Amino acid sequence: MNSGKTRGADPYVGFHQDKHGLTQLGRVVLDAWIFGFLPEDEDCRNWDLGRMQALMDRVDTEWDRYGNLPSRLPEALRSRHAEVYEKARAEARAKGWDPELGDDD
C-alpha cells in the first residue's frame, strides 16, 4: 500500500561523508567556503538537492566574476583557494582518491 509519500532524491551526504570530497557537490561546498557563503563547520550534510542547486548557482555566479579561473581571484581569495583545495586533495588521497581517475572510478 502506498503511504502517499513520494520519495525524492536522497539528500547530500555532506562534504566530510562524501566519497572523497572532490565530487561535483563536494567542490561546490569547498568553493562556498572559499567565497564565504558557508562557515567551514557547515558541510551541507542532509541538504536536499534543491538547496544544493541554489548554493551551486550562487557559487557559479561568483566564479563567473573571475572568469572561472583561480588565477584571476584577488590575492586573498587565491591564497584561500590554494589552502582549501590542497587540504581537500590530501584528505581525498587518504580516502583513496586518484586524480587520474574519474569521480566514478
N, C-alpha and C. Protein backbone atom coordinates (compact mmCIF):
# COMPACT_ATOMS: atom_id res chain seq x y z
N MET A 1 0.84 -1.19 0.00
CA MET A 1 0.00 0.00 0.00
C MET A 1 0.88 1.24 0.00
N ASN A 2 0.52 2.21 -0.78
CA ASN A 2 1.26 3.44 -0.88
C ASN A 2 0.91 4.34 0.29
N SER A 3 1.93 4.86 0.95
CA SER A 3 1.70 5.71 2.12
C SER A 3 1.33 7.13 1.72
N GLY A 4 1.38 7.42 0.43
CA GLY A 4 1.08 8.77 -0.03
C GLY A 4 2.30 9.65 -0.12
N LYS A 5 3.45 9.16 0.38
CA LYS A 5 4.68 9.93 0.31
C LYS A 5 5.43 9.53 -0.94
N THR A 6 5.98 10.51 -1.60
CA THR A 6 6.83 10.22 -2.75
C THR A 6 8.26 10.44 -2.34
N ARG A 7 9.08 9.54 -2.74
CA ARG A 7 10.49 9.63 -2.37
C ARG A 7 11.22 10.47 -3.42
N GLY A 8 11.81 11.53 -2.97
CA GLY A 8 12.62 12.35 -3.86
C GLY A 8 14.05 11.86 -3.84
N ALA A 9 14.91 12.65 -4.41
CA ALA A 9 16.33 12.30 -4.41
C ALA A 9 16.86 12.32 -2.98
N ASP A 10 17.80 11.45 -2.73
CA ASP A 10 18.41 11.41 -1.40
C ASP A 10 19.14 12.72 -1.14
N PRO A 11 19.15 13.16 0.10
CA PRO A 11 19.90 14.38 0.42
C PRO A 11 21.40 14.15 0.27
N TYR A 12 22.12 15.23 0.14
CA TYR A 12 23.58 15.17 0.04
C TYR A 12 24.14 14.64 1.36
N VAL A 13 25.13 13.76 1.27
CA VAL A 13 25.70 13.14 2.47
C VAL A 13 26.56 14.11 3.27
N GLY A 14 26.99 15.19 2.66
CA GLY A 14 27.86 16.15 3.32
C GLY A 14 29.29 15.98 2.85
N PHE A 15 30.01 17.07 2.83
CA PHE A 15 31.39 17.04 2.33
C PHE A 15 32.23 16.00 3.05
N HIS A 16 32.16 15.96 4.37
CA HIS A 16 33.03 15.08 5.14
C HIS A 16 32.65 13.61 5.01
N GLN A 17 31.42 13.32 4.59
CA GLN A 17 30.99 11.95 4.38
C GLN A 17 30.97 11.57 2.91
N ASP A 18 31.29 12.53 2.05
CA ASP A 18 31.31 12.30 0.62
C ASP A 18 32.36 11.24 0.29
N LYS A 19 32.18 10.60 -0.83
CA LYS A 19 33.08 9.52 -1.27
C LYS A 19 34.55 9.89 -1.04
N HIS A 20 34.96 11.03 -1.51
CA HIS A 20 36.32 11.51 -1.29
C HIS A 20 36.37 13.03 -1.19
N GLY A 21 35.23 13.68 -1.31
CA GLY A 21 35.16 15.12 -1.14
C GLY A 21 35.36 15.94 -2.39
N LEU A 22 35.95 15.36 -3.43
CA LEU A 22 36.20 16.13 -4.64
C LEU A 22 35.22 15.78 -5.75
N THR A 23 34.03 15.43 -5.35
CA THR A 23 32.94 15.22 -6.29
C THR A 23 32.38 16.58 -6.70
N GLN A 24 31.44 16.58 -7.62
CA GLN A 24 30.87 17.86 -8.05
C GLN A 24 30.26 18.61 -6.87
N LEU A 25 29.48 17.93 -6.05
CA LEU A 25 28.86 18.62 -4.92
C LEU A 25 29.90 18.97 -3.86
N GLY A 26 30.89 18.14 -3.68
CA GLY A 26 31.96 18.44 -2.73
C GLY A 26 32.70 19.72 -3.11
N ARG A 27 32.94 19.89 -4.39
CA ARG A 27 33.63 21.10 -4.86
C ARG A 27 32.77 22.35 -4.67
N VAL A 28 31.47 22.19 -4.77
CA VAL A 28 30.57 23.32 -4.50
C VAL A 28 30.74 23.77 -3.05
N VAL A 29 30.80 22.80 -2.15
CA VAL A 29 30.99 23.12 -0.73
C VAL A 29 32.34 23.82 -0.52
N LEU A 30 33.40 23.26 -1.11
CA LEU A 30 34.72 23.89 -0.98
C LEU A 30 34.68 25.34 -1.46
N ASP A 31 34.10 25.55 -2.63
CA ASP A 31 34.03 26.90 -3.19
C ASP A 31 33.18 27.82 -2.33
N ALA A 32 32.11 27.30 -1.77
CA ALA A 32 31.26 28.11 -0.88
C ALA A 32 32.05 28.52 0.37
N TRP A 33 32.90 27.64 0.86
CA TRP A 33 33.78 28.02 1.99
C TRP A 33 34.74 29.12 1.56
N ILE A 34 35.34 28.97 0.39
CA ILE A 34 36.32 29.94 -0.10
C ILE A 34 35.68 31.32 -0.24
N PHE A 35 34.49 31.37 -0.84
CA PHE A 35 33.82 32.65 -1.08
C PHE A 35 33.10 33.18 0.15
N GLY A 36 33.12 32.43 1.23
CA GLY A 36 32.49 32.89 2.47
C GLY A 36 30.98 32.74 2.50
N PHE A 37 30.43 31.90 1.63
CA PHE A 37 28.98 31.68 1.61
C PHE A 37 28.55 30.74 2.72
N LEU A 38 29.48 29.92 3.21
CA LEU A 38 29.21 28.97 4.28
C LEU A 38 30.35 29.02 5.28
N PRO A 39 30.05 28.86 6.57
CA PRO A 39 31.15 28.67 7.52
C PRO A 39 31.73 27.27 7.31
N GLU A 40 33.00 27.09 7.64
CA GLU A 40 33.64 25.80 7.39
C GLU A 40 33.08 24.66 8.23
N ASP A 41 32.33 24.96 9.26
CA ASP A 41 31.73 23.87 10.02
C ASP A 41 30.40 23.41 9.40
N GLU A 42 29.97 24.02 8.31
CA GLU A 42 28.78 23.61 7.57
C GLU A 42 29.22 22.86 6.34
N ASP A 43 28.97 21.53 6.31
CA ASP A 43 29.39 20.74 5.15
C ASP A 43 28.22 20.28 4.30
N CYS A 44 27.04 20.86 4.54
CA CYS A 44 25.83 20.62 3.75
C CYS A 44 25.26 19.22 3.94
N ARG A 45 25.60 18.57 5.01
CA ARG A 45 25.06 17.24 5.29
C ARG A 45 23.54 17.32 5.39
N ASN A 46 22.89 16.41 4.69
CA ASN A 46 21.43 16.29 4.65
C ASN A 46 20.73 17.43 3.92
N TRP A 47 21.45 18.22 3.16
CA TRP A 47 20.79 19.25 2.34
C TRP A 47 20.12 18.55 1.17
N ASP A 48 18.89 18.98 0.86
CA ASP A 48 18.22 18.41 -0.31
C ASP A 48 18.85 18.98 -1.58
N LEU A 49 18.58 18.32 -2.69
CA LEU A 49 19.23 18.73 -3.94
C LEU A 49 18.82 20.13 -4.40
N GLY A 50 17.63 20.57 -4.06
CA GLY A 50 17.21 21.93 -4.40
C GLY A 50 18.06 22.97 -3.68
N ARG A 51 18.32 22.71 -2.42
CA ARG A 51 19.16 23.63 -1.64
C ARG A 51 20.60 23.60 -2.16
N MET A 52 21.08 22.41 -2.52
CA MET A 52 22.43 22.30 -3.09
C MET A 52 22.50 23.03 -4.44
N GLN A 53 21.43 22.93 -5.25
CA GLN A 53 21.42 23.62 -6.54
C GLN A 53 21.47 25.13 -6.34
N ALA A 54 20.76 25.63 -5.35
CA ALA A 54 20.78 27.06 -5.08
C ALA A 54 22.19 27.51 -4.68
N LEU A 55 22.87 26.71 -3.87
CA LEU A 55 24.25 27.03 -3.50
C LEU A 55 25.16 26.97 -4.72
N MET A 56 24.96 25.94 -5.55
CA MET A 56 25.76 25.81 -6.77
C MET A 56 25.58 27.02 -7.67
N ASP A 57 24.36 27.49 -7.82
CA ASP A 57 24.09 28.67 -8.65
C ASP A 57 24.82 29.89 -8.10
N ARG A 58 24.80 30.04 -6.79
CA ARG A 58 25.47 31.17 -6.15
C ARG A 58 26.99 31.10 -6.37
N VAL A 59 27.54 29.90 -6.20
CA VAL A 59 28.98 29.70 -6.42
C VAL A 59 29.34 29.96 -7.88
N ASP A 60 28.52 29.42 -8.81
CA ASP A 60 28.78 29.64 -10.24
C ASP A 60 28.76 31.12 -10.60
N THR A 61 27.82 31.85 -10.05
CA THR A 61 27.73 33.29 -10.30
C THR A 61 28.99 34.00 -9.82
N GLU A 62 29.47 33.60 -8.66
CA GLU A 62 30.69 34.22 -8.12
C GLU A 62 31.91 33.87 -8.98
N TRP A 63 32.01 32.60 -9.39
CA TRP A 63 33.14 32.20 -10.25
C TRP A 63 33.10 32.96 -11.57
N ASP A 64 31.92 33.23 -12.10
CA ASP A 64 31.80 33.97 -13.36
C ASP A 64 32.48 35.34 -13.27
N ARG A 65 32.47 35.95 -12.09
CA ARG A 65 33.11 37.25 -11.90
C ARG A 65 34.61 37.18 -12.17
N TYR A 66 35.18 35.99 -12.01
CA TYR A 66 36.62 35.80 -12.15
C TYR A 66 36.97 34.92 -13.34
N GLY A 67 36.06 34.81 -14.29
CA GLY A 67 36.32 34.01 -15.48
C GLY A 67 36.54 32.54 -15.19
N ASN A 68 36.04 32.08 -14.04
CA ASN A 68 36.16 30.68 -13.63
C ASN A 68 37.61 30.23 -13.49
N LEU A 69 38.51 31.15 -13.21
CA LEU A 69 39.93 30.83 -13.08
C LEU A 69 40.47 31.26 -11.71
N PRO A 70 41.02 30.33 -10.96
CA PRO A 70 41.61 30.71 -9.67
C PRO A 70 42.69 31.79 -9.81
N SER A 71 43.40 31.80 -10.92
CA SER A 71 44.46 32.80 -11.12
C SER A 71 43.91 34.22 -11.21
N ARG A 72 42.64 34.37 -11.47
CA ARG A 72 42.02 35.71 -11.56
C ARG A 72 41.40 36.16 -10.24
N LEU A 73 41.45 35.30 -9.22
CA LEU A 73 40.92 35.68 -7.92
C LEU A 73 41.81 36.74 -7.29
N PRO A 74 41.23 37.63 -6.48
CA PRO A 74 42.08 38.56 -5.71
C PRO A 74 43.03 37.73 -4.82
N GLU A 75 44.16 38.29 -4.48
CA GLU A 75 45.21 37.55 -3.76
C GLU A 75 44.68 36.80 -2.53
N ALA A 76 43.86 37.43 -1.72
CA ALA A 76 43.36 36.77 -0.51
C ALA A 76 42.53 35.53 -0.86
N LEU A 77 41.67 35.66 -1.87
CA LEU A 77 40.86 34.50 -2.29
C LEU A 77 41.71 33.44 -2.98
N ARG A 78 42.69 33.88 -3.76
CA ARG A 78 43.56 32.92 -4.45
C ARG A 78 44.35 32.10 -3.42
N SER A 79 44.84 32.75 -2.40
CA SER A 79 45.57 32.07 -1.34
C SER A 79 44.65 31.12 -0.58
N ARG A 80 43.45 31.58 -0.30
CA ARG A 80 42.45 30.75 0.40
C ARG A 80 42.09 29.53 -0.46
N HIS A 81 41.91 29.74 -1.76
CA HIS A 81 41.60 28.65 -2.67
C HIS A 81 42.70 27.59 -2.64
N ALA A 82 43.96 28.03 -2.73
CA ALA A 82 45.08 27.09 -2.72
C ALA A 82 45.11 26.30 -1.41
N GLU A 83 44.89 26.98 -0.31
CA GLU A 83 44.90 26.33 1.01
C GLU A 83 43.78 25.30 1.14
N VAL A 84 42.56 25.69 0.80
CA VAL A 84 41.40 24.81 0.95
C VAL A 84 41.52 23.60 0.03
N TYR A 85 41.91 23.84 -1.22
CA TYR A 85 41.98 22.71 -2.16
C TYR A 85 43.16 21.78 -1.87
N GLU A 86 44.28 22.31 -1.39
CA GLU A 86 45.40 21.42 -1.03
C GLU A 86 45.00 20.51 0.12
N LYS A 87 44.33 21.06 1.10
CA LYS A 87 43.86 20.25 2.24
C LYS A 87 42.85 19.20 1.74
N ALA A 88 41.94 19.60 0.87
CA ALA A 88 40.92 18.68 0.35
C ALA A 88 41.57 17.57 -0.48
N ARG A 89 42.57 17.93 -1.29
CA ARG A 89 43.26 16.90 -2.10
C ARG A 89 44.00 15.91 -1.20
N ALA A 90 44.64 16.39 -0.15
CA ALA A 90 45.35 15.50 0.77
C ALA A 90 44.36 14.54 1.45
N GLU A 91 43.23 15.07 1.90
CA GLU A 91 42.22 14.22 2.54
C GLU A 91 41.62 13.23 1.55
N ALA A 92 41.42 13.66 0.31
CA ALA A 92 40.87 12.77 -0.72
C ALA A 92 41.85 11.63 -1.03
N ARG A 93 43.13 11.96 -1.13
CA ARG A 93 44.12 10.91 -1.38
C ARG A 93 44.13 9.90 -0.24
N ALA A 94 43.97 10.37 1.00
CA ALA A 94 43.93 9.48 2.16
C ALA A 94 42.72 8.55 2.09
N LYS A 95 41.66 8.98 1.40
CA LYS A 95 40.46 8.16 1.22
C LYS A 95 40.54 7.29 -0.03
N GLY A 96 41.68 7.33 -0.73
CA GLY A 96 41.86 6.50 -1.91
C GLY A 96 41.62 7.18 -3.24
N TRP A 97 41.39 8.48 -3.24
CA TRP A 97 41.15 9.21 -4.48
C TRP A 97 42.41 9.25 -5.31
N ASP A 98 42.26 9.04 -6.60
CA ASP A 98 43.36 9.14 -7.56
C ASP A 98 42.96 10.19 -8.58
N PRO A 99 43.71 11.29 -8.67
CA PRO A 99 43.33 12.36 -9.60
C PRO A 99 43.32 11.92 -11.05
N GLU A 100 43.94 10.79 -11.38
CA GLU A 100 43.96 10.28 -12.75
C GLU A 100 42.66 9.58 -13.12
N LEU A 101 41.86 9.22 -12.12
CA LEU A 101 40.60 8.52 -12.37
C LEU A 101 39.45 9.51 -12.31
N GLY A 102 38.33 9.14 -12.93
CA GLY A 102 37.13 9.96 -12.86
C GLY A 102 36.44 9.80 -11.52
N ASP A 103 35.43 10.62 -11.26
CA ASP A 103 34.70 10.56 -10.00
C ASP A 103 34.06 9.20 -9.76
N ASP A 104 33.73 8.49 -10.82
CA ASP A 104 33.04 7.21 -10.65
C ASP A 104 33.99 6.03 -10.56
N ASP A 105 35.29 6.25 -10.69
CA ASP A 105 36.28 5.16 -10.64
C ASP A 105 36.76 4.91 -9.23
